[in-house]
């Protein structure tokens, strides 16, 4: 079995990307509690914010797929990474 230090850099980069994605998904769950607690926003308004964020994510997935099909997935991912 190979040691962790012998893994290619691409594997490490992919692992970091997966970790960051999982961390953001984990934090997203607690945004509602943050909005209704320390920020003092009403539950209904916080629900609208969370719903709008979810719709934005869904719209981004569809448009990202369209851009990927039209311009190539590598170029689309690089452009998205440069923008965000």
Protein backbone atom coordinates (compact mmCIF):
# COMPACT_ATOMS: atom_id res chain seq x y z
CA UNK A 1 0.00 0.00 0.00
CA UNK A 2 1.36 3.39 -0.97
CA UNK A 3 1.80 6.11 1.59
CA UNK A 4 -0.25 9.29 1.50
CA UNK A 5 2.80 11.34 0.55
CA UNK A 6 3.17 9.37 -2.68
CA UNK A 7 -0.26 10.34 -4.01
CA UNK A 8 -0.29 12.69 -7.02
CA UNK A 9 -1.05 16.37 -6.51
CA UNK A 10 -4.29 16.05 -8.45
CA UNK A 11 -5.60 13.60 -5.86
CA UNK A 12 -4.76 16.04 -3.06
CA UNK A 13 -6.44 18.89 -4.94
CA UNK A 14 -9.56 16.78 -5.45
CA UNK A 15 -9.58 15.81 -1.77
CA UNK A 16 -9.36 19.47 -0.72
CA UNK A 17 -12.20 20.34 -3.10
CA UNK A 18 -14.40 17.59 -1.68
CA UNK A 19 -13.61 18.74 1.87
CA UNK A 20 -14.47 22.38 1.09
CA UNK A 21 -17.71 21.33 -0.62
CA UNK A 22 -18.71 19.16 2.35
CA UNK A 23 -17.84 21.95 4.80
CA UNK A 24 -19.95 24.51 2.92
CA UNK A 25 -22.86 22.06 2.78
CA UNK A 26 -22.52 21.49 6.53
CA UNK A 27 -22.43 25.21 7.32
CA UNK A 28 -25.43 25.91 5.07
CA UNK A 29 -27.59 23.88 7.47
CA UNK A 30 -26.82 26.27 10.33
CA UNK A 31 -27.42 29.51 8.41
CA UNK A 32 -31.11 29.43 9.38
CA UNK A 33 -30.22 29.23 13.07
CA UNK A 34 -27.76 32.09 12.66
CA UNK A 35 -30.31 34.26 10.87
CA UNK A 36 -33.05 33.70 13.46
CA UNK A 37 -30.74 33.83 16.49
CA UNK A 38 -27.97 36.44 16.58
CA UNK A 39 -29.21 38.35 13.51
CA UNK A 40 -32.76 38.60 14.89
CA UNK A 41 -34.53 37.93 11.58
CA UNK A 42 -38.02 36.45 11.79
CA UNK A 43 -38.41 32.78 10.88
CA UNK A 44 -40.53 33.54 7.81
CA UNK A 45 -38.00 35.96 6.39
CA UNK A 46 -35.14 33.56 7.12
CA UNK A 47 -37.10 30.83 5.33
CA UNK A 48 -37.46 33.08 2.29
CA UNK A 49 -33.71 33.75 2.31
CA UNK A 50 -32.94 30.04 2.52
CA UNK A 51 -35.49 29.22 -0.17
CA UNK A 52 -34.05 31.88 -2.48
CA UNK A 53 -30.57 30.48 -1.89
CA UNK A 54 -31.78 26.99 -2.77
CA UNK A 55 -33.46 28.25 -5.94
CA UNK A 56 -30.27 30.09 -6.85
CA UNK A 57 -28.25 26.92 -6.42
CA UNK A 58 -30.70 24.99 -8.58
CA UNK A 59 -30.67 27.67 -11.30
CA UNK A 60 -26.87 27.69 -11.17
CA UNK A 61 -26.78 23.94 -11.72
CA UNK A 62 -28.98 24.16 -14.80
CA UNK A 63 -27.13 27.12 -16.31
CA UNK A 64 -23.77 25.58 -15.46
CA UNK A 65 -24.79 22.42 -17.27
CA UNK A 66 -25.91 24.40 -20.29
CA UNK A 67 -22.64 26.39 -20.36
CA UNK A 68 -20.70 23.15 -19.92
CA UNK A 69 -22.43 21.54 -22.87
CA UNK A 70 -21.98 24.63 -25.04
CA UNK A 71 -18.43 25.76 -24.13
CA UNK A 72 -16.89 22.66 -22.57
CA UNK A 73 -16.95 21.57 -18.96
CA UNK A 74 -13.33 22.42 -18.21
CA UNK A 75 -13.67 26.00 -19.46
CA UNK A 76 -16.97 26.42 -17.61
CA UNK A 77 -15.52 25.18 -14.32
CA UNK A 78 -12.47 27.42 -14.68
CA UNK A 79 -14.67 30.43 -15.44
CA UNK A 80 -16.92 29.67 -12.46
CA UNK A 81 -13.90 29.31 -10.19
CA UNK A 82 -12.51 32.63 -11.43
CA UNK A 83 -15.85 34.38 -10.78
CA UNK A 84 -16.46 32.98 -7.34
